[in-house]
């Protein structure tokens, strides 16, 4: 998997087309969009300016995926809960690395995203 990340990073930097990336990853070309999107989401999560924003981005991506897949039953809800728990574990790791506490980010975690939902 680490080799795949390196390949995706190089492809993004060098502007590879889908055919070249599919060959490098040894996948069907129809799956390239998924791999690019996954890489971009992971990069956005890792590159977030704070641990709280990293958590928010990861949780948001998990929820978006669940909705796109048609979140509709208890099993799917439980799968989403598990994904959000993984994001919480990632947050704990980031906080431990920085010797920070969750309470340091309390306000940031409660803040609204600024999305206007009045439409």
Protein backbone atom coordinates (compact mmCIF):
# COMPACT_ATOMS: atom_id res chain seq x y z
CA UNK A 1 0.00 0.00 0.00
CA UNK A 2 2.86 2.40 0.76
CA UNK A 3 4.14 1.91 -2.78
CA UNK A 4 0.65 2.82 -4.05
CA UNK A 5 0.73 6.07 -2.07
CA UNK A 6 4.13 6.92 -3.52
CA UNK A 7 2.82 6.17 -7.00
CA UNK A 8 -0.29 8.31 -6.48
CA UNK A 9 1.81 11.18 -5.17
CA UNK A 10 4.15 11.01 -8.15
CA UNK A 11 1.22 10.78 -10.55
CA UNK A 12 -0.33 13.91 -9.04
CA UNK A 13 2.94 15.83 -9.14
CA UNK A 14 3.70 14.82 -12.71
CA UNK A 15 0.14 14.98 -14.06
CA UNK A 16 -0.15 11.39 -15.21
CA UNK A 17 -3.19 10.44 -17.25
CA UNK A 18 -5.55 7.68 -16.14
CA UNK A 19 -4.03 5.04 -18.42
CA UNK A 20 -0.52 5.53 -17.03
CA UNK A 21 -1.73 5.55 -13.44
CA UNK A 22 -3.82 2.40 -13.95
CA UNK A 23 -0.79 0.61 -15.36
CA UNK A 24 1.45 1.76 -12.50
CA UNK A 25 -1.08 0.67 -9.87
CA UNK A 26 -1.94 -2.51 -11.78
CA UNK A 27 -5.66 -1.75 -11.66
CA UNK A 28 -8.44 -1.39 -14.19
CA UNK A 29 -8.65 2.12 -15.63
CA UNK A 30 -12.24 2.44 -14.41
CA UNK A 31 -10.94 2.39 -10.81
CA UNK A 32 -8.48 5.26 -11.24
CA UNK A 33 -11.03 7.92 -10.26
CA UNK A 34 -11.64 6.14 -6.96
CA UNK A 35 -7.92 5.85 -6.23
CA UNK A 36 -7.26 9.51 -7.08
CA UNK A 37 -10.15 10.63 -4.90
CA UNK A 38 -9.02 8.45 -2.01
CA UNK A 39 -5.50 9.85 -2.26
CA UNK A 40 -6.71 13.44 -2.38
CA UNK A 41 -8.97 12.91 0.63
CA UNK A 42 -6.19 11.27 2.62
CA UNK A 43 -3.83 14.10 1.74
CA UNK A 44 -6.41 16.71 2.75
CA UNK A 45 -6.91 14.93 6.07
CA UNK A 46 -3.21 14.53 6.81
CA UNK A 47 -2.41 18.09 5.70
CA UNK A 48 -5.11 19.70 7.83
CA UNK A 49 -3.81 22.65 9.84
CA UNK A 50 -4.88 21.19 13.21
CA UNK A 51 -5.75 17.78 14.67
CA UNK A 52 -9.35 18.97 15.10
CA UNK A 53 -9.63 19.88 11.42
CA UNK A 54 -8.06 16.57 10.46
CA UNK A 55 -10.75 14.78 12.48
CA UNK A 56 -13.52 16.91 10.95
CA UNK A 57 -12.29 16.20 7.41
CA UNK A 58 -11.96 12.47 8.03
CA UNK A 59 -15.41 12.26 9.62
CA UNK A 60 -16.93 14.32 6.80
CA UNK A 61 -15.41 12.04 4.14
CA UNK A 62 -16.71 8.95 5.97
CA UNK A 63 -20.21 10.44 6.16
CA UNK A 64 -20.14 11.51 2.50
CA UNK A 65 -19.16 7.96 1.48
CA UNK A 66 -21.95 6.46 3.59
CA UNK A 67 -24.53 8.80 2.07
CA UNK A 68 -23.27 8.10 -1.48
CA UNK A 69 -23.58 4.37 -0.78
CA UNK A 70 -27.19 4.87 0.30
CA UNK A 71 -27.04 4.85 4.09
CA UNK A 72 -30.34 3.18 4.86
CA UNK A 73 -30.17 0.42 7.43
CA UNK A 74 -28.78 -0.40 10.87
CA UNK A 75 -25.78 -2.30 9.48
CA UNK A 76 -24.72 0.67 7.37
CA UNK A 77 -25.21 3.03 10.32
CA UNK A 78 -23.03 0.77 12.46
CA UNK A 79 -20.37 0.72 9.72
CA UNK A 80 -20.42 4.53 9.70
CA UNK A 81 -20.08 4.63 13.49
CA UNK A 82 -17.03 2.35 13.20
CA UNK A 83 -15.49 4.68 10.62
CA UNK A 84 -16.03 7.70 12.85
CA UNK A 85 -14.47 5.78 15.75
CA UNK A 86 -11.43 5.17 13.53
CA UNK A 87 -11.27 8.94 12.95
CA UNK A 88 -11.43 9.46 16.72
CA UNK A 89 -8.56 7.01 17.19
CA UNK A 90 -6.57 8.91 14.54
CA UNK A 91 -7.27 12.13 16.45
CA UNK A 92 -6.04 10.56 19.68
CA UNK A 93 -2.83 9.52 17.93
CA UNK A 94 -2.27 13.05 16.59
CA UNK A 95 -2.90 14.55 20.01
CA UNK A 96 -0.51 12.11 21.66
CA UNK A 97 2.17 12.91 19.09
CA UNK A 98 1.82 16.61 19.84
CA UNK A 99 1.44 16.06 23.58
CA UNK A 100 -1.88 17.88 23.41
CA UNK A 101 -5.24 17.27 25.05
CA UNK A 102 -8.63 16.88 23.43
CA UNK A 103 -9.93 19.76 25.51
CA UNK A 104 -7.44 22.03 23.71
CA UNK A 105 -9.61 21.61 20.61
CA UNK A 106 -13.04 21.66 22.24
CA UNK A 107 -14.13 24.91 20.58
CA UNK A 108 -12.78 23.89 17.18
CA UNK A 109 -14.62 20.58 17.32
CA UNK A 110 -17.90 22.32 18.18
CA UNK A 111 -17.58 25.04 15.55
CA UNK A 112 -19.86 24.96 12.55
CA UNK A 113 -18.22 24.46 9.20
CA UNK A 114 -19.63 27.62 7.70
CA UNK A 115 -21.75 25.74 5.20
CA UNK A 116 -24.90 27.71 4.46
CA UNK A 117 -27.78 25.27 4.64
CA UNK A 118 -30.52 27.87 4.21
CA UNK A 119 -31.16 26.79 0.60
